[in-house]
Amino acid sequence: MRTDKLFSTLIQGSIGVLSLCGCSDKQLDESQKPEASKNKDGNYNILFILNDQEKYMPELPTGTDYKGRKFLREIGMTFQNHYSCSNVSTPSRSAIYTGCHITETYMMDNTNYPFQGDMDRSLPTLGDLLRKAGYYTAYKGKWHLSKDDTSLEEYGFSDWQTGSDGKDRHGSFQEGYEEDAAIAGEAIDWIQSIGKQKNKDGQSFFLAVNFINPHDIMYYRNGGIRGILETGSAPAAAIYTKKYPDAPLPATVNEDIKAEGRVAAHAEYFSNWNKMTGHTPLTRQGWEDFKDYYLNCIQDADNQLQHLLAYLKENDMLKNTIIIMSSDHGEMMGAHGLKGKGGFMYEDNIHVPLVIYHPEYEGKRTCNSITSHLDITPTILDMTHSDNKKELTSALKGQSMMPLLDNPSLPHRNMDGALFVFDMLSMIDGKFAVSPFDRTYKIHMDKRGFLRGMVNEEYKFARYFSPKGFNTPANLQELYDNNDVEIFAKGSDETDNLGYYADKADALFRKTIAERYNQKLNYLIEKEIGIDDGRETAKYVGGLDPYERK
């Protein structure tokens, strides 16, 4: 049953202007931008909104009514080339909330699995660092970085609430539909009862609001063979009946999973994900239904976002609150014949939305520079007025995006690139088994499903290798001996893997790119990770050996 905490908030009278069915255009009218006004401590409040499994869409799809997203784009800056630095939920969120790659957070797989432990409580989080900068830090919604916590104080965040079942809302079947309204209501309640008072007392706040949708798409199955996880069709609610005939499917929806040049990891993922979540749609109509449900999941989440934004506007808090919105990772939605999210470099998978509203800057602006989730923590710390922010960010490898708000044409990561790191055991083997004795996964460790990749303004480059085959290739021979190689021209349809040069007339050109970008990736890894020898895999519970399928 849908948990509508927002309804109780409205009844209590704290948001008299809002309607349960959405916000009016007038309430989210971007034309009347308030004059910026810092809080008494010289800081702005920071509202960080993180959605789950929302891919970047340059234009909001035809037929959608995403007023919340449209409003943020109108008042803020849209970053058009922002990338996750790991997948899926747990790994990506660990990087977002610490500013560290998974090689430091040791959150390589989702905490749902027995081989993945909790995030180390001694690892400084964004919450810890902001507390040192003088902020009050609070957290609402999905966490997914530890298993059984009912408080996040040890992780640097206050006032967290579990879901209606007393557990973390990590994203199970239809949990976005059931819980996102509650998350929005909890956030508004918190601002009303605690956030405003903190401002009156002279302290700015950081509030993380983590919605679940459109993650519900993971469990969508409209007929066909079911998987291991609970799956089903859309909820019986009016919002999920809308169709989007004018929103096109990806052009590569019919691409063969074993087309020439595709790395083996794609087929392994395809088989693995079918086994977990039910078979991938087999017909174009099946993909249309899948697309419609995905866009409706975003609409459901956007309705909750609208309530939150309208509350800030109606309470004159846009003048003293920075708003940042992104997603942990994307969704393939049929691109290249795939659904879901995983360890590959396709745009729909790792290219995610990022919008920043800052009271001191004009809206309706865009930035084309390459940016990364690794940059979020240093950016937020750079937004503070703290005297010690240089000290707080000294150990971080990401780059602040604040200079881009001043000058969106700065190159940022355009040449060096954004690094993508993937060490998930649970997705690399399409023929994994579950032990009947201890219910642990058994995986073929020779599968090349771990990944180191990068994206810059010219190309995407990726090396796929096995969990026991970490390597730093010094030349072309070592590169191809130890890795499956993937190279796509940035902005292409990503069907021509330039790393595959057998019998190609332009083989010399392809080899030249591979050699050059192999060195670029080596440099970026050394810069942001250091020695990349797989030592982090020892942090899996028991290491790798207990999960190897002999």
Protein backbone atom coordinates (compact mmCIF):
# COMPACT_ATOMS: atom_id res chain seq x y z
CA MET A 1 0.00 0.00 0.00
CA ARG A 2 1.29 3.47 -0.90
CA THR A 3 2.66 5.30 2.13
CA ASP A 4 1.69 8.95 1.75
CA LYS A 5 3.45 10.81 4.55
CA LEU A 6 2.99 13.98 2.49
CA PHE A 7 -0.76 13.69 3.03
CA SER A 8 -0.37 13.86 6.82
CA THR A 9 1.91 16.89 6.45
CA LEU A 10 -0.69 18.70 4.38
CA ILE A 11 -3.47 17.93 6.83
CA GLN A 12 -1.39 19.40 9.65
CA GLY A 13 -1.49 22.66 7.70
CA SER A 14 2.21 23.23 7.14
CA ILE A 15 1.76 23.42 3.37
CA GLY A 16 -1.60 24.97 2.81
CA VAL A 17 -0.90 26.10 -0.74
CA LEU A 18 -0.12 22.69 -2.19
CA SER A 19 -2.40 20.23 -3.84
CA LEU A 20 -1.96 16.50 -3.49
CA CYS A 21 -2.30 16.01 -7.22
CA GLY A 22 0.60 18.32 -8.05
CA CYS A 23 1.76 21.91 -8.05
CA SER A 24 0.34 24.61 -10.25
CA ASP A 25 2.44 26.33 -12.89
CA LYS A 26 2.10 29.54 -10.88
CA GLN A 27 3.66 27.98 -7.80
CA LEU A 28 6.69 26.89 -9.85
CA ASP A 29 6.87 30.01 -12.00
CA GLU A 30 10.56 30.66 -12.59
CA SER A 31 10.13 34.28 -13.70
CA GLN A 32 10.31 35.80 -10.23
CA LYS A 33 13.81 34.91 -9.07
CA PRO A 34 14.39 36.03 -5.46
CA GLU A 35 17.39 38.11 -4.48
CA ALA A 36 20.10 35.91 -2.97
CA SER A 37 20.35 36.10 0.80
CA LYS A 38 22.82 34.08 2.87
CA ASN A 39 21.98 32.76 6.31
CA LYS A 40 23.37 34.34 9.47
CA ASP A 41 26.48 32.14 9.35
CA GLY A 42 27.38 33.37 5.86
CA ASN A 43 26.35 30.12 4.18
CA TYR A 44 23.48 28.93 2.04
CA ASN A 45 21.41 25.88 2.86
CA ILE A 46 22.16 23.00 0.47
CA LEU A 47 19.42 20.65 -0.71
CA PHE A 48 20.84 17.62 -2.51
CA ILE A 49 18.26 15.54 -4.38
CA LEU A 50 19.37 12.14 -5.65
CA ASN A 51 17.10 10.04 -7.83
CA ASP A 52 17.68 6.40 -8.69
CA GLN A 53 18.21 4.98 -12.18
CA GLU A 54 17.37 8.14 -14.14
CA LYS A 55 19.31 8.48 -17.36
CA TYR A 56 20.20 11.84 -18.87
CA MET A 57 17.65 13.15 -21.37
CA PRO A 58 18.71 16.27 -23.32
CA GLU A 59 15.08 17.21 -23.80
CA LEU A 60 12.21 16.16 -21.58
CA PRO A 61 10.34 13.48 -23.58
CA THR A 62 7.31 14.52 -25.62
CA GLY A 63 4.12 13.97 -23.68
CA THR A 64 5.66 14.14 -20.22
CA ASP A 65 4.70 16.75 -17.66
CA TYR A 66 7.82 16.97 -15.53
CA LYS A 67 7.14 20.37 -13.97
CA GLY A 68 9.72 19.87 -11.21
CA ARG A 69 12.52 19.01 -13.59
CA LYS A 70 11.51 21.77 -15.97
CA PHE A 71 11.51 24.29 -13.12
CA LEU A 72 15.02 23.32 -12.01
CA ARG A 73 16.32 23.60 -15.56
CA GLU A 74 14.75 27.05 -15.81
CA ILE A 75 16.24 28.42 -12.59
CA GLY A 76 19.53 26.50 -12.61
CA MET A 77 22.40 25.27 -14.76
CA THR A 78 22.03 21.96 -16.59
CA PHE A 79 25.23 19.94 -16.93
CA GLN A 80 24.99 18.13 -20.24
CA ASN A 81 27.95 15.77 -19.87
CA HIS A 82 27.82 14.49 -16.30
CA TYR A 83 28.83 10.86 -15.64
CA SER A 84 28.60 8.35 -12.85
CA CYS A 85 31.97 6.98 -11.75
CA SER A 86 30.65 3.54 -10.77
CA ASN A 87 27.52 1.43 -11.00
CA VAL A 88 25.10 0.40 -9.56
CA SER A 89 23.33 1.87 -6.47
CA THR A 90 25.68 1.03 -3.60
CA PRO A 91 28.97 1.64 -5.47
CA SER A 92 27.77 4.85 -7.07
CA ARG A 93 26.28 6.25 -3.85
CA SER A 94 29.46 5.49 -1.95
CA ALA A 95 31.40 7.63 -4.43
CA ILE A 96 28.82 10.42 -4.39
CA TYR A 97 28.67 10.67 -0.60
CA THR A 98 32.42 10.38 0.05
CA GLY A 99 34.13 11.81 -3.03
CA CYS A 100 36.18 8.60 -3.26
CA HIS A 101 36.27 5.82 -5.83
CA ILE A 102 35.10 2.35 -4.84
CA THR A 103 38.74 1.33 -4.54
CA GLU A 104 38.72 3.45 -1.36
CA THR A 105 35.13 3.02 -0.18
CA TYR A 106 35.25 -0.78 -0.71
CA MET A 107 31.58 -0.62 -1.69
CA MET A 108 31.96 -2.65 -4.86
CA ASP A 109 28.58 -4.36 -4.97
CA ASN A 110 25.11 -3.80 -3.57
CA THR A 111 24.71 -4.44 0.14
CA ASN A 112 21.89 -6.88 -0.70
CA TYR A 113 24.53 -9.52 -1.40
CA PRO A 114 26.26 -11.55 1.33
CA PHE A 115 29.74 -10.78 0.02
CA GLN A 116 29.33 -7.00 0.35
CA GLY A 117 29.77 -5.53 3.83
CA ASP A 118 28.75 -2.15 5.24
CA MET A 119 30.64 1.01 4.38
CA ASP A 120 33.37 1.67 6.93
CA ARG A 121 32.05 4.11 9.52
CA SER A 122 35.50 5.68 9.90
CA LEU A 123 35.55 6.76 6.24
CA PRO A 124 34.78 10.51 6.12
CA THR A 125 31.50 11.19 4.34
CA LEU A 126 30.09 14.38 2.91
CA GLY A 127 28.05 14.63 6.12
CA ASP A 128 31.15 14.39 8.30
CA LEU A 129 32.99 17.01 6.26
CA LEU A 130 30.06 19.43 6.20
CA ARG A 131 29.70 19.14 9.96
CA LYS A 132 33.31 20.29 10.22
CA ALA A 133 32.33 23.18 7.96
CA GLY A 134 29.63 24.18 10.44
CA TYR A 135 26.55 22.69 8.78
CA TYR A 136 23.74 20.70 10.31
CA THR A 137 23.46 17.61 8.12
CA ALA A 138 20.32 15.53 7.65
CA TYR A 139 19.36 12.64 5.39
CA LYS A 140 16.05 11.36 4.02
CA GLY A 141 15.15 8.38 1.84
CA LYS A 142 17.22 5.62 0.29
CA TRP A 143 20.62 4.89 1.86
CA HIS A 144 21.88 1.49 0.61
CA LEU A 145 25.38 1.77 2.08
CA SER A 146 24.85 -0.51 5.08
CA LYS A 147 22.48 -3.34 5.88
CA ASP A 148 20.68 -2.96 9.20
CA ASP A 149 21.14 0.60 10.41
CA THR A 150 18.29 2.61 11.86
CA SER A 151 20.45 5.71 12.37
CA LEU A 152 23.09 7.34 10.16
CA GLU A 153 24.76 9.41 12.87
CA GLU A 154 27.96 7.36 12.56
CA TYR A 155 27.97 8.25 8.88
CA GLY A 156 27.64 11.96 9.51
CA PHE A 157 23.90 12.43 8.97
CA SER A 158 21.07 13.13 11.43
CA ASP A 159 17.32 12.58 11.42
CA TRP A 160 17.14 9.66 9.00
CA GLN A 161 13.94 7.63 8.95
CA THR A 162 13.52 4.06 7.77
CA GLY A 163 10.68 2.95 5.53
CA SER A 164 7.24 1.74 6.50
CA ASP A 165 8.69 -1.73 7.20
CA GLY A 166 11.34 -0.34 9.59
CA LYS A 167 14.16 -0.98 7.10
CA ASP A 168 16.20 1.00 4.61
CA ARG A 169 14.29 1.81 1.45
CA HIS A 170 16.93 0.41 -0.89
CA GLY A 171 14.59 -0.11 -3.84
CA SER A 172 12.54 -3.30 -3.89
CA PHE A 173 9.49 -4.12 -6.02
CA GLN A 174 7.33 -0.98 -6.51
CA GLU A 175 9.04 0.68 -3.53
CA GLY A 176 9.33 4.00 -5.34
CA TYR A 177 5.59 4.07 -5.89
CA GLU A 178 5.00 3.10 -2.27
CA GLU A 179 7.60 5.28 -0.51
CA ASP A 180 8.59 8.36 -2.54
CA ALA A 181 5.60 10.38 -1.33
CA ALA A 182 6.63 9.57 2.22
CA ILE A 183 10.21 10.64 1.52
CA ALA A 184 9.00 13.98 0.14
CA GLY A 185 6.73 14.44 3.14
CA GLU A 186 9.54 13.64 5.59
CA ALA A 187 11.79 16.17 3.85
CA ILE A 188 9.17 18.92 4.01
CA ASP A 189 8.33 18.07 7.63
CA TRP A 190 12.02 18.25 8.48
CA ILE A 191 12.52 21.67 6.84
CA GLN A 192 9.39 22.97 8.55
CA SER A 193 10.20 21.69 12.04
CA ILE A 194 14.02 21.59 12.14
CA GLY A 195 15.61 23.25 9.10
CA LYS A 196 13.92 26.61 9.56
CA GLN A 197 14.77 26.63 13.25
CA LYS A 198 18.42 25.91 12.50
CA ASN A 199 18.45 28.95 10.21
CA LYS A 200 16.86 31.09 12.92
CA ASP A 201 19.53 29.88 15.33
CA GLY A 202 22.24 30.94 12.89
CA GLN A 203 23.16 27.59 11.32
CA SER A 204 22.78 26.52 7.70
CA PHE A 205 21.70 23.00 6.86
CA PHE A 206 22.50 20.32 4.32
CA LEU A 207 19.57 18.04 3.52
CA ALA A 208 19.97 14.96 1.29
CA VAL A 209 16.68 13.76 -0.19
CA ASN A 210 17.01 10.39 -1.89
CA PHE A 211 14.02 9.34 -3.98
CA ILE A 212 13.69 5.77 -5.20
CA ASN A 213 12.01 6.19 -8.57
CA PRO A 214 12.46 5.61 -11.42
CA HIS A 215 14.19 2.54 -9.92
CA ASP A 216 10.87 0.64 -9.98
CA ILE A 217 11.57 -0.04 -13.66
CA MET A 218 14.07 -2.69 -12.53
CA TYR A 219 11.20 -4.99 -11.55
CA TYR A 220 8.87 -4.34 -14.48
CA ARG A 221 7.67 -7.45 -16.28
CA ASN A 222 4.57 -7.37 -18.42
CA GLY A 223 4.28 -11.09 -19.09
CA GLY A 224 7.07 -13.42 -20.09
CA ILE A 225 9.34 -15.54 -17.91
CA ARG A 226 9.96 -14.15 -14.43
CA GLY A 227 13.36 -14.02 -12.75
CA ILE A 228 14.71 -14.71 -9.27
CA LEU A 229 13.51 -11.36 -7.92
CA GLU A 230 9.90 -10.31 -7.45
CA THR A 231 8.66 -8.64 -10.62
CA GLY A 232 5.34 -7.54 -12.05
CA SER A 233 3.41 -5.00 -14.07
CA ALA A 234 2.68 -1.37 -13.21
CA PRO A 235 0.73 -0.39 -10.07
CA ALA A 236 -3.02 -0.01 -10.44
CA ALA A 237 -2.89 3.79 -10.31
CA ALA A 238 -3.97 6.37 -12.87
CA ILE A 239 -0.51 7.89 -13.14
CA TYR A 240 0.79 4.62 -14.60
CA THR A 241 -1.74 4.40 -17.45
CA LYS A 242 -0.32 7.15 -19.64
CA LYS A 243 1.26 6.27 -22.98
CA TYR A 244 3.95 8.22 -24.84
CA PRO A 245 3.64 7.36 -28.54
CA ASP A 246 5.68 10.41 -29.57
CA ALA A 247 8.62 9.61 -27.29
CA PRO A 248 10.80 7.38 -29.46
CA LEU A 249 12.58 4.22 -28.43
CA PRO A 250 16.39 4.19 -28.73
CA ALA A 251 17.54 3.67 -32.31
CA THR A 252 19.65 0.67 -31.21
CA VAL A 253 16.80 -1.23 -29.54
CA ASN A 254 17.19 -4.18 -31.94
CA GLU A 255 21.00 -4.42 -31.78
CA ASP A 256 22.23 -8.00 -31.52
CA ILE A 257 23.83 -8.70 -28.14
CA LYS A 258 26.60 -10.56 -29.99
CA ALA A 259 27.06 -8.09 -32.82
CA GLU A 260 30.57 -7.74 -34.22
CA GLY A 261 32.82 -5.81 -31.86
CA ARG A 262 30.66 -6.10 -28.74
CA VAL A 263 32.65 -7.25 -25.72
CA ALA A 264 31.70 -10.51 -23.99
CA ALA A 265 30.64 -8.64 -20.83
CA HIS A 266 27.50 -7.39 -22.61
CA ALA A 267 26.18 -10.91 -23.26
CA GLU A 268 27.10 -12.03 -19.74
CA TYR A 269 25.16 -9.09 -18.29
CA PHE A 270 22.22 -9.76 -20.62
CA SER A 271 21.95 -13.36 -19.39
CA ASN A 272 22.56 -12.39 -15.77
CA TRP A 273 19.90 -9.67 -15.76
CA ASN A 274 17.34 -11.90 -17.46
CA LYS A 275 17.97 -14.46 -14.75
CA MET A 276 17.53 -11.87 -12.01
CA THR A 277 14.66 -9.70 -13.27
CA GLY A 278 12.90 -11.70 -15.96
CA HIS A 279 13.36 -11.78 -19.69
CA THR A 280 14.16 -8.66 -21.68
CA PRO A 281 11.24 -7.58 -23.92
CA LEU A 282 11.18 -9.58 -27.15
CA THR A 283 8.94 -7.32 -29.22
CA ARG A 284 8.81 -3.65 -30.08
CA GLN A 285 5.50 -3.35 -28.25
CA GLY A 286 7.15 -4.89 -25.21
CA TRP A 287 9.79 -2.16 -25.32
CA GLU A 288 7.09 0.50 -25.79
CA ASP A 289 5.36 -0.72 -22.63
CA PHE A 290 8.70 -0.74 -20.82
CA LYS A 291 9.42 2.84 -21.95
CA ASP A 292 5.96 4.05 -20.91
CA TYR A 293 6.35 2.60 -17.43
CA TYR A 294 9.80 4.14 -17.05
CA LEU A 295 8.58 7.60 -18.03
CA ASN A 296 5.62 7.22 -15.66
CA CYS A 297 7.97 6.27 -12.81
CA ILE A 298 9.82 9.53 -13.45
CA GLN A 299 6.50 11.37 -13.50
CA ASP A 300 5.57 9.88 -10.12
CA ALA A 301 8.91 10.98 -8.67
CA ASP A 302 8.60 14.39 -10.30
CA ASN A 303 5.24 14.95 -8.63
CA GLN A 304 6.95 14.50 -5.26
CA LEU A 305 9.78 16.81 -6.35
CA GLN A 306 7.21 19.46 -7.24
CA HIS A 307 5.84 19.44 -3.68
CA LEU A 308 9.32 19.92 -2.27
CA LEU A 309 10.26 22.74 -4.64
CA ALA A 310 6.91 24.50 -4.21
CA TYR A 311 7.36 24.39 -0.43
CA LEU A 312 10.73 26.12 -0.74
CA LYS A 313 9.30 28.73 -3.08
CA GLU A 314 6.21 29.44 -1.01
CA ASN A 315 8.35 29.77 2.13
CA ASP A 316 10.80 32.16 0.45
CA MET A 317 13.68 29.70 0.78
CA LEU A 318 14.94 29.82 -2.79
CA LYS A 319 16.86 32.95 -1.77
CA ASN A 320 19.00 31.07 0.77
CA THR A 321 19.06 27.49 -0.54
CA ILE A 322 21.28 25.88 -3.16
CA ILE A 323 19.59 22.94 -4.93
CA ILE A 324 21.49 20.12 -6.63
CA MET A 325 19.75 17.23 -8.37
CA SER A 326 21.26 14.14 -9.96
CA SER A 327 20.86 10.36 -10.24
CA ASP A 328 23.11 7.54 -9.10
CA HIS A 329 23.18 5.86 -12.53
CA GLY A 330 21.11 5.53 -15.68
CA GLU A 331 18.79 3.00 -17.32
CA MET A 332 19.35 1.38 -20.72
CA MET A 333 15.62 1.39 -21.62
CA GLY A 334 16.21 -0.75 -24.70
CA ALA A 335 19.38 0.94 -25.96
CA HIS A 336 21.66 -1.69 -27.54
CA GLY A 337 19.00 -4.31 -26.75
CA LEU A 338 19.50 -3.97 -22.99
CA LYS A 339 17.47 -3.03 -19.94
CA GLY A 340 18.77 -2.09 -16.50
CA LYS A 341 22.19 -0.82 -15.48
CA GLY A 342 25.59 -2.41 -15.08
CA GLY A 343 29.27 -2.49 -15.94
CA PHE A 344 29.47 -1.00 -19.42
CA MET A 345 30.14 2.41 -20.91
CA TYR A 346 26.98 3.08 -22.90
CA GLU A 347 25.51 6.59 -22.57
CA ASP A 348 22.15 5.48 -21.23
CA ASN A 349 23.96 3.60 -18.46
CA ILE A 350 26.48 6.13 -17.12
CA HIS A 351 25.37 9.53 -18.46
CA VAL A 352 23.15 11.01 -15.76
CA PRO A 353 21.35 14.30 -15.12
CA LEU A 354 22.88 17.06 -13.02
CA VAL A 355 21.25 20.43 -12.38
CA ILE A 356 22.57 23.04 -9.94
CA TYR A 357 20.53 26.00 -8.77
CA HIS A 358 22.48 28.65 -6.87
CA PRO A 359 20.77 31.85 -5.67
CA GLU A 360 23.66 34.00 -6.91
CA TYR A 361 23.56 32.76 -10.51
CA GLU A 362 21.13 33.17 -13.37
CA GLY A 363 19.17 30.20 -14.64
CA LYS A 364 18.42 28.71 -18.06
CA ARG A 365 22.13 28.00 -18.58
CA THR A 366 23.92 24.87 -19.76
CA CYS A 367 27.44 23.49 -19.37
CA ASN A 368 28.90 21.06 -21.90
CA SER A 369 32.08 20.24 -19.98
CA ILE A 370 32.73 16.67 -18.85
CA THR A 371 31.97 16.29 -15.13
CA SER A 372 31.84 13.34 -12.75
CA HIS A 373 30.08 12.12 -9.63
CA LEU A 374 33.53 12.22 -8.04
CA ASP A 375 33.23 16.01 -8.29
CA ILE A 376 30.03 16.33 -6.24
CA THR A 377 31.53 16.21 -2.73
CA PRO A 378 34.31 18.74 -3.45
CA THR A 379 31.77 20.99 -5.22
CA ILE A 380 29.41 21.01 -2.24
CA LEU A 381 32.27 21.73 0.15
CA ASP A 382 33.41 24.55 -2.14
CA MET A 383 29.92 26.04 -1.86
CA THR A 384 30.44 26.64 1.85
CA HIS A 385 31.86 29.75 3.47
CA SER A 386 34.08 27.63 5.70
CA ASP A 387 37.60 28.85 6.44
CA ASN A 388 38.89 25.26 6.41
CA LYS A 389 37.37 23.99 3.17
CA LYS A 390 40.80 23.61 1.55
CA GLU A 391 41.77 21.32 4.39
CA LEU A 392 38.47 19.42 4.12
CA THR A 393 38.95 18.77 0.41
CA SER A 394 42.69 18.10 0.43
CA ALA A 395 42.34 14.30 0.31
CA LEU A 396 39.68 14.31 -2.41
CA LYS A 397 40.55 13.53 -6.03
CA GLY A 398 37.49 15.14 -7.59
CA GLN A 399 37.34 18.69 -8.91
CA SER A 400 34.98 21.41 -7.76
CA MET A 401 32.42 22.40 -10.39
CA MET A 402 31.91 25.85 -8.88
CA PRO A 403 34.22 27.51 -11.48
CA LEU A 404 31.85 26.19 -14.14
CA LEU A 405 29.01 28.20 -12.62
CA ASP A 406 31.11 31.30 -13.29
CA ASN A 407 32.29 30.15 -16.71
CA PRO A 408 30.50 27.13 -18.24
CA SER A 409 33.00 26.97 -21.11
CA LEU A 410 35.94 25.95 -18.91
CA PRO A 411 37.35 22.55 -20.00
CA HIS A 412 37.16 20.87 -16.55
CA ARG A 413 37.61 17.14 -17.43
CA ASN A 414 37.29 17.50 -21.21
CA MET A 415 40.75 16.16 -21.98
CA ASP A 416 41.80 14.13 -18.90
CA GLY A 417 38.34 12.58 -18.73
CA ALA A 418 36.03 11.13 -16.11
CA LEU A 419 37.02 7.75 -14.68
CA PHE A 420 34.56 4.84 -14.39
CA VAL A 421 35.39 1.96 -12.01
CA PHE A 422 33.39 -1.27 -11.80
CA ASP A 423 34.16 -4.27 -9.54
CA MET A 424 30.71 -5.87 -9.11
CA LEU A 425 30.82 -9.63 -8.61
CA SER A 426 27.06 -10.09 -8.91
CA MET A 427 26.79 -9.01 -12.56
CA ILE A 428 29.78 -10.46 -14.39
CA ASP A 429 28.63 -14.07 -14.88
CA GLY A 430 25.53 -14.95 -16.87
CA LYS A 431 25.67 -18.50 -15.50
CA PHE A 432 26.13 -17.71 -11.82
CA ALA A 433 24.80 -20.21 -9.30
CA VAL A 434 23.49 -19.86 -5.76
CA SER A 435 24.89 -22.38 -3.29
CA PRO A 436 22.10 -24.47 -1.67
CA PHE A 437 24.18 -24.70 1.51
CA ASP A 438 24.96 -21.09 2.46
CA ARG A 439 22.95 -19.20 -0.22
CA THR A 440 26.09 -17.50 -1.50
CA TYR A 441 26.80 -16.71 -5.13
CA LYS A 442 29.14 -18.94 -7.06
CA ILE A 443 30.78 -17.08 -9.95
CA HIS A 444 33.18 -17.91 -12.74
CA MET A 445 36.09 -15.63 -11.91
CA ASP A 446 37.59 -15.89 -15.39
CA LYS A 447 34.82 -13.77 -16.91
CA ARG A 448 36.03 -10.36 -18.03
CA GLY A 449 33.37 -8.24 -16.33
CA PHE A 450 35.38 -5.87 -14.14
CA LEU A 451 35.99 -2.55 -15.84
CA ARG A 452 38.19 0.52 -15.93
CA GLY A 453 37.00 3.16 -18.35
CA MET A 454 37.07 6.84 -19.10
CA VAL A 455 35.12 9.39 -21.10
CA ASN A 456 36.38 12.70 -22.41
CA GLU A 457 35.23 15.08 -25.12
CA GLU A 458 36.58 12.82 -27.90
CA TYR A 459 36.15 9.17 -26.93
CA LYS A 460 35.08 6.59 -24.44
CA PHE A 461 37.72 3.98 -23.70
CA ALA A 462 37.27 0.85 -21.58
CA ARG A 463 39.25 -2.18 -20.47
CA TYR A 464 37.24 -5.23 -19.35
CA PHE A 465 39.17 -7.80 -17.30
CA SER A 466 38.55 -10.66 -14.87
CA PRO A 467 38.42 -10.28 -11.06
CA LYS A 468 41.73 -12.11 -10.79
CA GLY A 469 43.28 -10.39 -13.79
CA PHE A 470 43.94 -6.83 -12.68
CA ASN A 471 46.52 -5.26 -14.96
CA THR A 472 48.03 -1.95 -16.04
CA PRO A 473 48.99 -2.57 -19.66
CA ALA A 474 52.05 -0.67 -20.82
CA ASN A 475 51.60 -1.34 -24.52
CA LEU A 476 49.16 -2.58 -27.13
CA GLN A 477 50.19 -6.22 -26.76
CA GLU A 478 49.56 -6.24 -23.01
CA LEU A 479 46.32 -4.33 -23.51
CA TYR A 480 44.76 -6.93 -25.80
CA ASP A 481 46.29 -9.95 -24.07
CA ASN A 482 44.70 -9.10 -20.74
CA ASN A 483 41.56 -7.13 -21.57
CA ASP A 484 38.58 -6.86 -23.85
CA VAL A 485 38.82 -3.37 -25.32
CA GLU A 486 36.02 -0.97 -26.15
CA ILE A 487 36.28 2.47 -27.76
CA PHE A 488 33.42 4.67 -28.91
CA ALA A 489 33.61 8.09 -30.50
CA LYS A 490 31.90 10.58 -28.20
CA GLY A 491 28.51 11.50 -29.61
CA SER A 492 28.28 8.45 -31.88
CA ASP A 493 25.53 5.82 -31.73
CA GLU A 494 28.07 3.55 -29.99
CA THR A 495 27.64 0.64 -32.38
CA ASP A 496 31.15 0.77 -33.87
CA ASN A 497 33.70 -0.42 -31.30
CA LEU A 498 36.90 1.20 -32.49
CA GLY A 499 38.82 -1.10 -30.16
CA TYR A 500 37.91 -3.98 -32.48
CA TYR A 501 40.11 -3.78 -35.55
CA ALA A 502 40.16 -7.30 -37.05
CA ASP A 503 39.92 -7.07 -40.85
CA LYS A 504 39.20 -3.34 -40.65
CA ALA A 505 40.54 -1.08 -43.39
CA ASP A 506 41.32 1.57 -40.79
CA ALA A 507 43.06 -0.85 -38.39
CA LEU A 508 46.10 1.41 -37.99
CA PHE A 509 43.87 4.33 -36.98
CA ARG A 510 42.05 2.15 -34.45
CA LYS A 511 45.29 0.83 -32.98
CA THR A 512 46.61 4.38 -32.64
CA ILE A 513 43.53 5.44 -30.66
CA ALA A 514 43.73 2.33 -28.48
CA GLU A 515 47.38 2.94 -27.68
CA ARG A 516 46.87 6.64 -26.93
CA TYR A 517 43.81 6.14 -24.77
CA ASN A 518 45.34 3.22 -22.91
CA GLN A 519 48.01 5.63 -21.70
CA LYS A 520 45.39 8.28 -20.90
CA LEU A 521 43.48 5.77 -18.78
CA ASN A 522 46.67 4.68 -17.02
CA TYR A 523 47.37 8.33 -16.17
CA LEU A 524 43.86 8.96 -14.88
CA ILE A 525 43.90 5.80 -12.75
CA GLU A 526 47.26 6.74 -11.24
CA LYS A 527 45.94 10.23 -10.53
CA GLU A 528 42.66 9.23 -8.87
CA ILE A 529 43.29 5.70 -7.58
CA GLY A 530 47.03 5.10 -7.43
CA ILE A 531 48.19 1.52 -7.75
CA ASP A 532 45.30 -0.42 -9.28
CA ASP A 533 46.13 -4.00 -8.34
CA GLY A 534 42.75 -5.22 -7.07
CA ARG A 535 43.61 -5.02 -3.41
CA GLU A 536 40.09 -3.74 -2.73
CA THR A 537 38.60 -7.13 -3.66
CA ALA A 538 40.09 -8.51 -0.43
CA LYS A 539 37.43 -6.39 1.30
CA TYR A 540 34.67 -8.58 -0.06
CA VAL A 541 33.48 -10.71 2.86
CA GLY A 542 36.07 -13.50 2.85
CA GLY A 543 37.76 -12.13 -0.27
CA LEU A 544 37.09 -13.67 -3.69
CA ASP A 545 37.82 -17.35 -3.08
CA PRO A 546 34.58 -18.36 -1.28
CA TYR A 547 32.53 -17.20 -4.27
CA GLU A 548 34.53 -18.78 -7.07
CA ARG A 549 32.69 -21.41 -9.06
CA LYS A 550 35.11 -24.24 -9.72
